[in-house]
Amino acid sequence: MTALKRPWTKYPYFEEDTSAEVVLARMGAATDPRLAEVMTSAIKHLHAFVKEVRPTHEEWLTAIKFLTETGHMCSDWRQEYILLSDTLGVTMLVDAINHSHGDGATENTILGPFYVENPPHRENGANICLDGKGEPLTVQGRVVDTAGNPIAGATVDAWQTNDDGFYDVQQKGVQPDMNLRGIFTTDAKGRFSFRSVKPRYYPIPFDGPVGKLLGAMQRGPNRAAHIHFIVKAQGFETVITHVFPPDCPYLELDAVFGVKETLIGDFRQTGTPSAPEWQLDWDFTLAPSR
């Protein structure tokens, strides 16, 4: 029997060969242009992916369950989807696309899922380590423009894990609130300084679906040791970045691909073997706002 073809049909019927085109034909003409551009590309690539992989119904349901479990793991302090984006290298790719101006500014890297808004403003030289754990570290430096001129009044927002490898928000009631967090303001010569502890490597949360995926892919969960920074100044591009110690064994195996060679700092030992202390001299370079 020959199928009846109706010339008055407004939209084409679904077929494997033209699946993406069939779906895209349903998009309205008044769709926001950027949304239309994004969804056109997303649908084309998603359909091409499915055609290449040719999943079974069971495999596709496994993918749906994975995304569902990822959403269920999200909370006010844990964002499992950010973790997924980070571990697949997508966060770093988006960052690279948006910070490719090559003007000598300090390189960006990922924000991470444990940033906390409105940390305390502290005086230069203050100690942000409130639990007393770890090897003491002095961080000092300047914020300058791409010509090397100091930027007064810039803010340096710093945060890191404690010596046990946890952020304060991961250990509510164990760590003091706002442990190892603080904002510092540069002086007239662009200088800032604070006391902390030498950062150590730590595993990203791997008790959820992202951790299970890493295990299935034979990948480790460890992040290279680092201190987070957000550096801002009026009239300049904001820098979101890390600084890494050179002796960390996970610099080349960072679970979220966040390490850049230009962000590996010189952590100098200033104490004794029995009482180790460290110093990091680090300048941030900001580019003019675009």
C-alpha atoms as a PDB file:
ATOM      1  CA  MET A   1       0.000   0.000   0.000  1.00  0.00           C
ATOM      2  CA  THR A   2       1.354   3.427  -0.915  1.00  0.00           C
ATOM      3  CA  ALA A   3       1.335   5.982   1.879  1.00  0.00           C
ATOM      4  CA  LEU A   4      -0.903   8.956   1.291  1.00  0.00           C
ATOM      5  CA  LYS A   5       1.077  12.149   0.654  1.00  0.00           C
ATOM      6  CA  ARG A   6      -0.725  15.345   1.611  1.00  0.00           C
ATOM      7  CA  PRO A   7       0.631  18.419  -0.224  1.00  0.00           C
ATOM      8  CA  TRP A   8      -1.061  20.703   2.292  1.00  0.00           C
ATOM      9  CA  THR A   9       1.149  19.487   5.207  1.00  0.00           C
ATOM     10  CA  LYS A  10       2.853  22.522   6.752  1.00  0.00           C
ATOM     11  CA  TYR A  11       5.689  20.681   8.534  1.00  0.00           C
ATOM     12  CA  PRO A  12       7.681  17.655   7.306  1.00  0.00           C
ATOM     13  CA  TYR A  13       7.224  14.374   9.152  1.00  0.00           C
ATOM     14  CA  PHE A  14      10.040  12.912  11.219  1.00  0.00           C
ATOM     15  CA  GLU A  15      12.634  10.754   9.431  1.00  0.00           C
ATOM     16  CA  GLU A  16      16.087   9.690  10.582  1.00  0.00           C
ATOM     17  CA  ASP A  17      17.980  11.248   7.683  1.00  0.00           C
ATOM     18  CA  THR A  18      16.370  14.671   8.103  1.00  0.00           C
ATOM     19  CA  SER A  19      15.668  14.561  11.860  1.00  0.00           C
ATOM     20  CA  ALA A  20      17.449  17.805  12.777  1.00  0.00           C
ATOM     21  CA  GLU A  21      15.852  19.690   9.898  1.00  0.00           C
ATOM     22  CA  VAL A  22      12.403  18.446  10.918  1.00  0.00           C
ATOM     23  CA  VAL A  23      12.870  19.665  14.493  1.00  0.00           C
ATOM     24  CA  LEU A  24      14.305  23.025  13.410  1.00  0.00           C
ATOM     25  CA  ALA A  25      11.384  23.614  11.042  1.00  0.00           C
ATOM     26  CA  ARG A  26       9.122  23.956  14.096  1.00  0.00           C
ATOM     27  CA  MET A  27      11.032  26.988  15.394  1.00  0.00           C
ATOM     28  CA  GLY A  28       8.979  30.164  15.092  1.00  0.00           C
ATOM     29  CA  ALA A  29      10.104  33.090  12.981  1.00  0.00           C
ATOM     30  CA  ALA A  30       9.891  35.464  15.959  1.00  0.00           C
ATOM     31  CA  THR A  31      12.350  33.448  18.084  1.00  0.00           C
ATOM     32  CA  ASP A  32      15.091  35.592  19.595  1.00  0.00           C
ATOM     33  CA  PRO A  33      17.941  35.565  17.022  1.00  0.00           C
ATOM     34  CA  ARG A  34      20.654  34.503  19.474  1.00  0.00           C
ATOM     35  CA  LEU A  35      18.447  31.760  20.931  1.00  0.00           C
ATOM     36  CA  ALA A  36      17.665  30.572  17.398  1.00  0.00           C
ATOM     37  CA  GLU A  37      21.387  30.491  16.567  1.00  0.00           C
ATOM     38  CA  VAL A  38      22.265  28.566  19.742  1.00  0.00           C
ATOM     39  CA  MET A  39      19.413  26.067  19.486  1.00  0.00           C
ATOM     40  CA  THR A  40      20.020  25.446  15.777  1.00  0.00           C
ATOM     41  CA  SER A  41      23.600  24.493  16.479  1.00  0.00           C
ATOM     42  CA  ALA A  42      22.719  22.495  19.608  1.00  0.00           C
ATOM     43  CA  ILE A  43      20.022  20.462  17.838  1.00  0.00           C
ATOM     44  CA  LYS A  44      22.211  19.776  14.791  1.00  0.00           C
ATOM     45  CA  HIS A  45      25.134  18.590  16.945  1.00  0.00           C
ATOM     46  CA  LEU A  46      22.923  16.572  19.296  1.00  0.00           C
ATOM     47  CA  HIS A  47      21.251  14.730  16.430  1.00  0.00           C
ATOM     48  CA  ALA A  48      24.642  14.141  14.774  1.00  0.00           C
ATOM     49  CA  PHE A  49      25.961  12.747  18.079  1.00  0.00           C
ATOM     50  CA  VAL A  50      23.026  10.336  18.425  1.00  0.00           C
ATOM     51  CA  LYS A  51      23.423   9.184  14.824  1.00  0.00           C
ATOM     52  CA  GLU A  52      27.138   8.578  15.361  1.00  0.00           C
ATOM     53  CA  VAL A  53      26.769   6.726  18.680  1.00  0.00           C
ATOM     54  CA  ARG A  54      23.466   4.985  17.823  1.00  0.00           C
ATOM     55  CA  PRO A  55      22.510   4.345  21.466  1.00  0.00           C
ATOM     56  CA  THR A  56      20.053   1.678  22.495  1.00  0.00           C
ATOM     57  CA  HIS A  57      16.901   2.702  24.370  1.00  0.00           C
ATOM     58  CA  GLU A  58      18.534   1.443  27.579  1.00  0.00           C
ATOM     59  CA  GLU A  59      21.687   3.478  26.970  1.00  0.00           C
ATOM     60  CA  TRP A  60      19.724   6.647  26.308  1.00  0.00           C
ATOM     61  CA  LEU A  61      17.677   6.090  29.451  1.00  0.00           C
ATOM     62  CA  THR A  62      20.971   5.716  31.364  1.00  0.00           C
ATOM     63  CA  ALA A  63      22.018   9.137  30.043  1.00  0.00           C
ATOM     64  CA  ILE A  64      18.684  10.649  31.139  1.00  0.00           C
ATOM     65  CA  LYS A  65      19.071   9.095  34.591  1.00  0.00           C
ATOM     66  CA  PHE A  66      22.600  10.493  34.851  1.00  0.00           C
ATOM     67  CA  LEU A  67      21.395  14.031  34.128  1.00  0.00           C
ATOM     68  CA  THR A  68      18.508  13.578  36.588  1.00  0.00           C
ATOM     69  CA  GLU A  69      20.889  12.428  39.334  1.00  0.00           C
ATOM     70  CA  THR A  70      23.194  15.352  38.546  1.00  0.00           C
ATOM     71  CA  GLY A  71      20.322  17.770  39.117  1.00  0.00           C
ATOM     72  CA  HIS A  72      19.341  16.050  42.356  1.00  0.00           C
ATOM     73  CA  MET A  73      22.896  16.564  43.703  1.00  0.00           C
ATOM     74  CA  CYS A  74      22.706  20.341  43.265  1.00  0.00           C
ATOM     75  CA  SER A  75      22.161  22.456  46.379  1.00  0.00           C
ATOM     76  CA  ASP A  76      22.836  25.968  47.686  1.00  0.00           C
ATOM     77  CA  TRP A  77      26.526  25.147  48.175  1.00  0.00           C
ATOM     78  CA  ARG A  78      27.134  22.335  45.670  1.00  0.00           C
ATOM     79  CA  GLN A  79      26.591  22.722  41.935  1.00  0.00           C
ATOM     80  CA  GLU A  80      27.002  19.313  40.312  1.00  0.00           C
ATOM     81  CA  TYR A  81      26.376  20.703  36.821  1.00  0.00           C
ATOM     82  CA  ILE A  82      29.292  23.126  37.216  1.00  0.00           C
ATOM     83  CA  LEU A  83      31.366  20.130  38.310  1.00  0.00           C
ATOM     84  CA  LEU A  84      30.270  18.258  35.176  1.00  0.00           C
ATOM     85  CA  SER A  85      31.143  21.218  32.960  1.00  0.00           C
ATOM     86  CA  ASP A  86      34.500  21.564  34.707  1.00  0.00           C
ATOM     87  CA  THR A  87      35.505  17.904  34.431  1.00  0.00           C
ATOM     88  CA  LEU A  88      34.582  17.740  30.738  1.00  0.00           C
ATOM     89  CA  GLY A  89      36.806  20.740  30.021  1.00  0.00           C
ATOM     90  CA  VAL A  90      33.873  22.840  28.829  1.00  0.00           C
ATOM     91  CA  THR A  91      34.253  25.513  31.511  1.00  0.00           C
ATOM     92  CA  MET A  92      37.883  26.069  30.549  1.00  0.00           C
ATOM     93  CA  LEU A  93      36.959  26.138  26.854  1.00  0.00           C
ATOM     94  CA  VAL A  94      34.295  28.807  27.417  1.00  0.00           C
ATOM     95  CA  ASP A  95      36.811  30.766  29.471  1.00  0.00           C
ATOM     96  CA  ALA A  96      39.468  30.474  26.737  1.00  0.00           C
ATOM     97  CA  ILE A  97      37.012  31.716  24.101  1.00  0.00           C
ATOM     98  CA  ASN A  98      36.076  34.737  26.209  1.00  0.00           C
ATOM     99  CA  HIS A  99      39.599  35.651  27.385  1.00  0.00           C
ATOM    100  CA  SER A 100      41.766  35.309  24.312  1.00  0.00           C
ATOM    101  CA  HIS A 101      42.803  38.956  23.953  1.00  0.00           C
ATOM    102  CA  GLY A 102      46.531  38.210  24.479  1.00  0.00           C
ATOM    103  CA  ASP A 103      47.334  41.617  25.927  1.00  0.00           C
ATOM    104  CA  GLY A 104      49.683  40.542  28.711  1.00  0.00           C
ATOM    105  CA  ALA A 105      46.976  40.405  31.384  1.00  0.00           C
ATOM    106  CA  THR A 106      47.011  37.665  33.995  1.00  0.00           C
ATOM    107  CA  GLU A 107      45.372  34.593  32.526  1.00  0.00           C
ATOM    108  CA  ASN A 108      41.937  33.494  33.640  1.00  0.00           C
ATOM    109  CA  THR A 109      40.909  30.067  34.837  1.00  0.00           C
ATOM    110  CA  ILE A 110      37.711  28.570  36.255  1.00  0.00           C
ATOM    111  CA  LEU A 111      35.700  30.073  39.110  1.00  0.00           C
ATOM    112  CA  GLY A 112      34.919  26.693  40.685  1.00  0.00           C
ATOM    113  CA  PRO A 113      31.731  25.687  42.530  1.00  0.00           C
ATOM    114  CA  PHE A 114      32.706  26.886  46.027  1.00  0.00           C
ATOM    115  CA  TYR A 115      32.937  30.645  45.582  1.00  0.00           C
ATOM    116  CA  VAL A 116      30.983  32.535  48.251  1.00  0.00           C
ATOM    117  CA  GLU A 117      29.666  36.037  47.606  1.00  0.00           C
ATOM    118  CA  ASN A 118      30.357  38.867  50.034  1.00  0.00           C
ATOM    119  CA  PRO A 119      33.343  37.474  51.940  1.00  0.00           C
ATOM    120  CA  PRO A 120      34.751  39.744  54.654  1.00  0.00           C
ATOM    121  CA  HIS A 121      36.892  42.741  53.728  1.00  0.00           C
ATOM    122  CA  ARG A 122      40.146  42.472  55.658  1.00  0.00           C
ATOM    123  CA  GLU A 123      43.099  44.768  56.265  1.00  0.00           C
ATOM    124  CA  ASN A 124      46.280  44.105  54.319  1.00  0.00           C
ATOM    125  CA  GLY A 125      48.465  41.702  56.274  1.00  0.00           C
ATOM    126  CA  ALA A 126      45.501  39.981  57.962  1.00  0.00           C
ATOM    127  CA  ASN A 127      45.453  36.214  58.428  1.00  0.00           C
ATOM    128  CA  ILE A 128      42.577  34.482  56.625  1.00  0.00           C
ATOM    129  CA  CYS A 129      43.358  31.071  58.185  1.00  0.00           C
ATOM    130  CA  LEU A 130      40.935  30.825  61.103  1.00  0.00           C
ATOM    131  CA  ASP A 131      41.374  27.136  61.988  1.00  0.00           C
ATOM    132  CA  GLY A 132      45.133  27.235  62.565  1.00  0.00           C
ATOM    133  CA  LYS A 133      45.848  24.242  60.323  1.00  0.00           C
ATOM    134  CA  GLY A 134      48.595  24.033  57.716  1.00  0.00           C
ATOM    135  CA  GLU A 135      51.992  25.534  56.942  1.00  0.00           C
ATOM    136  CA  PRO A 136      51.905  29.346  57.202  1.00  0.00           C
ATOM    137  CA  LEU A 137      52.096  31.287  53.953  1.00  0.00           C
ATOM    138  CA  THR A 138      52.566  35.002  53.297  1.00  0.00           C
ATOM    139  CA  VAL A 139      51.101  36.262  50.023  1.00  0.00           C
ATOM    140  CA  GLN A 140      52.121  39.687  48.810  1.00  0.00           C
ATOM    141  CA  GLY A 141      52.246  41.504  45.522  1.00  0.00           C
ATOM    142  CA  ARG A 142      50.799  44.258  43.382  1.00  0.00           C
ATOM    143  CA  VAL A 143      47.965  44.853  40.974  1.00  0.00           C
ATOM    144  CA  VAL A 144      49.198  46.660  37.854  1.00  0.00           C
ATOM    145  CA  ASP A 145      48.000  47.569  34.371  1.00  0.00           C
ATOM    146  CA  THR A 146      49.508  46.145  31.194  1.00  0.00           C
ATOM    147  CA  ALA A 147      52.095  48.955  31.168  1.00  0.00           C
ATOM    148  CA  GLY A 148      53.233  48.031  34.682  1.00  0.00           C
ATOM    149  CA  ASN A 149      51.613  51.003  36.401  1.00  0.00           C
ATOM    150  CA  PRO A 150      50.171  50.295  39.878  1.00  0.00           C
ATOM    151  CA  ILE A 151      46.399  50.249  40.294  1.00  0.00           C
ATOM    152  CA  ALA A 152      45.273  51.721  43.601  1.00  0.00           C
ATOM    153  CA  GLY A 153      41.942  50.658  45.078  1.00  0.00           C
ATOM    154  CA  ALA A 154      41.793  47.307  43.281  1.00  0.00           C
ATOM    155  CA  THR A 155      40.156  44.475  45.221  1.00  0.00           C
ATOM    156  CA  VAL A 156      41.801  41.067  45.588  1.00  0.00           C
ATOM    157  CA  ASP A 157      39.281  38.395  46.604  1.00  0.00           C
ATOM    158  CA  ALA A 158      41.087  35.234  47.786  1.00  0.00           C
ATOM    159  CA  TRP A 159      39.802  31.837  48.934  1.00  0.00           C
ATOM    160  CA  GLN A 160      41.086  28.275  49.266  1.00  0.00           C
ATOM    161  CA  THR A 161      40.599  24.953  51.054  1.00  0.00           C
ATOM    162  CA  ASN A 162      41.967  24.294  54.498  1.00  0.00           C
ATOM    163  CA  ASP A 163      44.817  21.875  55.130  1.00  0.00           C
ATOM    164  CA  ASP A 164      42.365  18.957  55.211  1.00  0.00           C
ATOM    165  CA  GLY A 165      41.346  19.713  51.627  1.00  0.00           C
ATOM    166  CA  PHE A 166      37.863  21.153  52.254  1.00  0.00           C
ATOM    167  CA  TYR A 167      36.281  24.553  51.733  1.00  0.00           C
ATOM    168  CA  ASP A 168      34.479  26.019  54.717  1.00  0.00           C
ATOM    169  CA  VAL A 169      31.064  25.548  53.067  1.00  0.00           C
ATOM    170  CA  GLN A 170      31.775  21.817  52.809  1.00  0.00           C
ATOM    171  CA  GLN A 171      32.294  21.563  56.568  1.00  0.00           C
ATOM    172  CA  LYS A 172      29.608  23.671  58.177  1.00  0.00           C
ATOM    173  CA  GLY A 173      30.005  23.457  61.940  1.00  0.00           C
ATOM    174  CA  VAL A 174      33.523  22.029  61.587  1.00  0.00           C
ATOM    175  CA  GLN A 175      35.417  24.936  60.045  1.00  0.00           C
ATOM    176  CA  PRO A 176      34.820  28.527  61.149  1.00  0.00           C
ATOM    177  CA  ASP A 177      32.542  30.435  58.778  1.00  0.00           C
ATOM    178  CA  MET A 178      34.507  32.340  56.127  1.00  0.00           C
ATOM    179  CA  ASN A 179      37.652  30.367  56.912  1.00  0.00           C
ATOM    180  CA  LEU A 180      40.352  31.058  54.317  1.00  0.00           C
ATOM    181  CA  ARG A 181      38.365  33.779  52.567  1.00  0.00           C
ATOM    182  CA  GLY A 182      38.890  37.517  52.375  1.00  0.00           C
ATOM    183  CA  ILE A 183      38.922  40.612  50.182  1.00  0.00           C
ATOM    184  CA  PHE A 184      41.902  42.977  50.257  1.00  0.00           C
ATOM    185  CA  THR A 185      42.235  46.444  48.733  1.00  0.00           C
ATOM    186  CA  THR A 186      45.432  47.669  47.124  1.00  0.00           C
ATOM    187  CA  ASP A 187      47.175  50.780  48.485  1.00  0.00           C
ATOM    188  CA  ALA A 188      48.396  53.801  46.526  1.00  0.00           C
ATOM    189  CA  LYS A 189      51.262  51.710  45.102  1.00  0.00           C
ATOM    190  CA  GLY A 190      48.976  48.867  44.070  1.00  0.00           C
ATOM    191  CA  ARG A 191      50.198  46.610  46.879  1.00  0.00           C
ATOM    192  CA  PHE A 192      48.283  43.958  48.813  1.00  0.00           C
ATOM    193  CA  SER A 193      49.254  41.273  51.314  1.00  0.00           C
ATOM    194  CA  PHE A 194      47.713  38.638  53.555  1.00  0.00           C
ATOM    195  CA  ARG A 195      48.573  35.589  55.609  1.00  0.00           C
ATOM    196  CA  SER A 196      47.240  32.144  54.791  1.00  0.00           C
ATOM    197  CA  VAL A 197      48.508  28.552  54.555  1.00  0.00           C
ATOM    198  CA  LYS A 198      50.244  26.759  51.718  1.00  0.00           C
ATOM    199  CA  PRO A 199      47.515  25.221  49.540  1.00  0.00           C
ATOM    200  CA  ARG A 200      47.299  21.485  49.083  1.00  0.00           C
ATOM    201  CA  TYR A 201      45.717  19.303  46.437  1.00  0.00           C
ATOM    202  CA  TYR A 202      42.295  17.835  47.133  1.00  0.00           C
ATOM    203  CA  PRO A 203      39.654  15.704  45.428  1.00  0.00           C
ATOM    204  CA  ILE A 204      36.618  17.297  43.895  1.00  0.00           C
ATOM    205  CA  PRO A 205      33.389  15.861  45.339  1.00  0.00           C
ATOM    206  CA  PHE A 206      33.200  12.366  43.854  1.00  0.00           C
ATOM    207  CA  ASP A 207      30.268  10.896  45.775  1.00  0.00           C
ATOM    208  CA  GLY A 208      27.820  11.948  43.056  1.00  0.00           C
ATOM    209  CA  PRO A 209      27.185  11.106  39.405  1.00  0.00           C
ATOM    210  CA  VAL A 210      30.138  13.168  38.139  1.00  0.00           C
ATOM    211  CA  GLY A 211      32.508  11.252  40.405  1.00  0.00           C
ATOM    212  CA  LYS A 212      31.071   7.954  39.184  1.00  0.00           C
ATOM    213  CA  LEU A 213      31.580   9.067  35.592  1.00  0.00           C
ATOM    214  CA  LEU A 214      35.219   9.961  36.274  1.00  0.00           C
ATOM    215  CA  GLY A 215      35.753   6.532  37.820  1.00  0.00           C
ATOM    216  CA  ALA A 216      34.178   4.814  34.826  1.00  0.00           C
ATOM    217  CA  MET A 217      36.525   6.801  32.562  1.00  0.00           C
ATOM    218  CA  GLN A 218      39.569   5.769  34.641  1.00  0.00           C
ATOM    219  CA  ARG A 219      40.212   9.383  35.644  1.00  0.00           C
ATOM    220  CA  GLY A 220      41.288  10.691  39.027  1.00  0.00           C
ATOM    221  CA  PRO A 221      39.320  13.310  41.003  1.00  0.00           C
ATOM    222  CA  ASN A 222      42.185  15.420  42.333  1.00  0.00           C
ATOM    223  CA  ARG A 223      42.554  19.133  41.762  1.00  0.00           C
ATOM    224  CA  ALA A 224      46.035  20.592  41.761  1.00  0.00           C
ATOM    225  CA  ALA A 225      46.789  22.697  44.868  1.00  0.00           C
ATOM    226  CA  HIS A 226      45.835  26.340  44.350  1.00  0.00           C
ATOM    227  CA  ILE A 227      44.587  29.611  45.768  1.00  0.00           C
ATOM    228  CA  HIS A 228      41.594  31.215  44.034  1.00  0.00           C
ATOM    229  CA  PHE A 229      41.564  34.926  43.198  1.00  0.00           C
ATOM    230  CA  ILE A 230      39.136  37.420  41.718  1.00  0.00           C
ATOM    231  CA  VAL A 231      40.833  40.747  41.025  1.00  0.00           C
ATOM    232  CA  LYS A 232      38.741  43.814  40.140  1.00  0.00           C
ATOM    233  CA  ALA A 233      39.389  47.487  39.489  1.00  0.00           C
ATOM    234  CA  GLN A 234      37.266  50.209  37.936  1.00  0.00           C
ATOM    235  CA  GLY A 235      38.035  50.611  34.249  1.00  0.00           C
ATOM    236  CA  PHE A 236      39.693  47.201  33.933  1.00  0.00           C
ATOM    237  CA  GLU A 237      38.696  43.677  32.960  1.00  0.00           C
ATOM    238  CA  THR A 238      38.062  41.443  35.969  1.00  0.00           C
ATOM    239  CA  VAL A 239      40.437  38.491  36.338  1.00  0.00           C
ATOM    240  CA  ILE A 240      39.210  35.184  37.794  1.00  0.00           C
ATOM    241  CA  THR A 241      42.213  32.976  38.325  1.00  0.00           C
ATOM    242  CA  HIS A 242      44.282  30.607  40.496  1.00  0.00           C
ATOM    243  CA  VAL A 243      47.916  30.473  41.578  1.00  0.00           C
ATOM    244  CA  PHE A 244      49.487  27.007  41.855  1.00  0.00           C
ATOM    245  CA  PRO A 245      52.572  25.845  43.814  1.00  0.00           C
ATOM    246  CA  PRO A 246      55.202  24.270  41.551  1.00  0.00           C
ATOM    247  CA  ASP A 247      55.709  21.142  43.678  1.00  0.00           C
ATOM    248  CA  CYS A 248      52.132  19.834  43.388  1.00  0.00           C
ATOM    249  CA  PRO A 249      52.042  16.324  41.843  1.00  0.00           C
ATOM    250  CA  TYR A 250      48.720  17.026  40.071  1.00  0.00           C
ATOM    251  CA  LEU A 251      49.660  20.024  37.944  1.00  0.00           C
ATOM    252  CA  GLU A 252      49.397  17.923  34.769  1.00  0.00           C
ATOM    253  CA  LEU A 253      46.458  15.829  36.013  1.00  0.00           C
ATOM    254  CA  ASP A 254      44.131  18.521  37.344  1.00  0.00           C
ATOM    255  CA  ALA A 255      40.615  17.082  37.237  1.00  0.00           C
ATOM    256  CA  VAL A 256      39.099  20.252  35.766  1.00  0.00           C
ATOM    257  CA  PHE A 257      41.975  21.263  33.438  1.00  0.00           C
ATOM    258  CA  GLY A 258      42.440  24.527  35.337  1.00  0.00           C
ATOM    259  CA  VAL A 259      46.253  24.712  35.367  1.00  0.00           C
ATOM    260  CA  LYS A 260      48.062  27.134  33.077  1.00  0.00           C
ATOM    261  CA  GLU A 261      51.836  27.389  33.048  1.00  0.00           C
ATOM    262  CA  THR A 262      51.761  31.152  33.585  1.00  0.00           C
ATOM    263  CA  LEU A 263      49.814  30.631  36.837  1.00  0.00           C
ATOM    264  CA  ILE A 264      52.419  28.442  38.554  1.00  0.00           C
ATOM    265  CA  GLY A 265      53.937  30.601  41.282  1.00  0.00           C
ATOM    266  CA  ASP A 266      57.258  30.581  43.087  1.00  0.00           C
ATOM    267  CA  PHE A 267      56.420  29.447  46.613  1.00  0.00           C
ATOM    268  CA  ARG A 268      59.641  30.089  48.548  1.00  0.00           C
ATOM    269  CA  GLN A 269      60.304  28.330  51.834  1.00  0.00           C
ATOM    270  CA  THR A 270      61.219  30.860  54.515  1.00  0.00           C
ATOM    271  CA  GLY A 271      60.964  28.755  57.666  1.00  0.00           C
ATOM    272  CA  THR A 272      62.891  25.718  58.864  1.00  0.00           C
ATOM    273  CA  PRO A 273      62.356  22.020  58.068  1.00  0.00           C
ATOM    274  CA  SER A 274      60.831  21.538  61.507  1.00  0.00           C
ATOM    275  CA  ALA A 275      58.665  24.673  61.256  1.00  0.00           C
ATOM    276  CA  PRO A 276      58.062  25.298  57.531  1.00  0.00           C
ATOM    277  CA  GLU A 277      56.778  28.661  56.376  1.00  0.00           C
ATOM    278  CA  TRP A 278      56.310  29.948  52.843  1.00  0.00           C
ATOM    279  CA  GLN A 279      56.139  33.163  50.868  1.00  0.00           C
ATOM    280  CA  LEU A 280      54.497  33.891  47.524  1.00  0.00           C
ATOM    281  CA  ASP A 281      55.247  37.124  45.671  1.00  0.00           C
ATOM    282  CA  TRP A 282      52.679  37.533  42.930  1.00  0.00           C
ATOM    283  CA  ASP A 283      51.576  40.451  40.757  1.00  0.00           C
ATOM    284  CA  PHE A 284      48.249  40.575  38.918  1.00  0.00           C
ATOM    285  CA  THR A 285      48.089  42.405  35.587  1.00  0.00           C
ATOM    286  CA  LEU A 286      44.722  43.813  34.478  1.00  0.00           C
ATOM    287  CA  ALA A 287      43.759  44.839  30.945  1.00  0.00           C
ATOM    288  CA  PRO A 288      41.618  47.922  30.252  1.00  0.00           C
ATOM    289  CA  SER A 289      37.893  47.275  29.936  1.00  0.00           C
ATOM    290  CA  ARG A 290      36.763  46.455  26.422  1.00  0.00           C
END
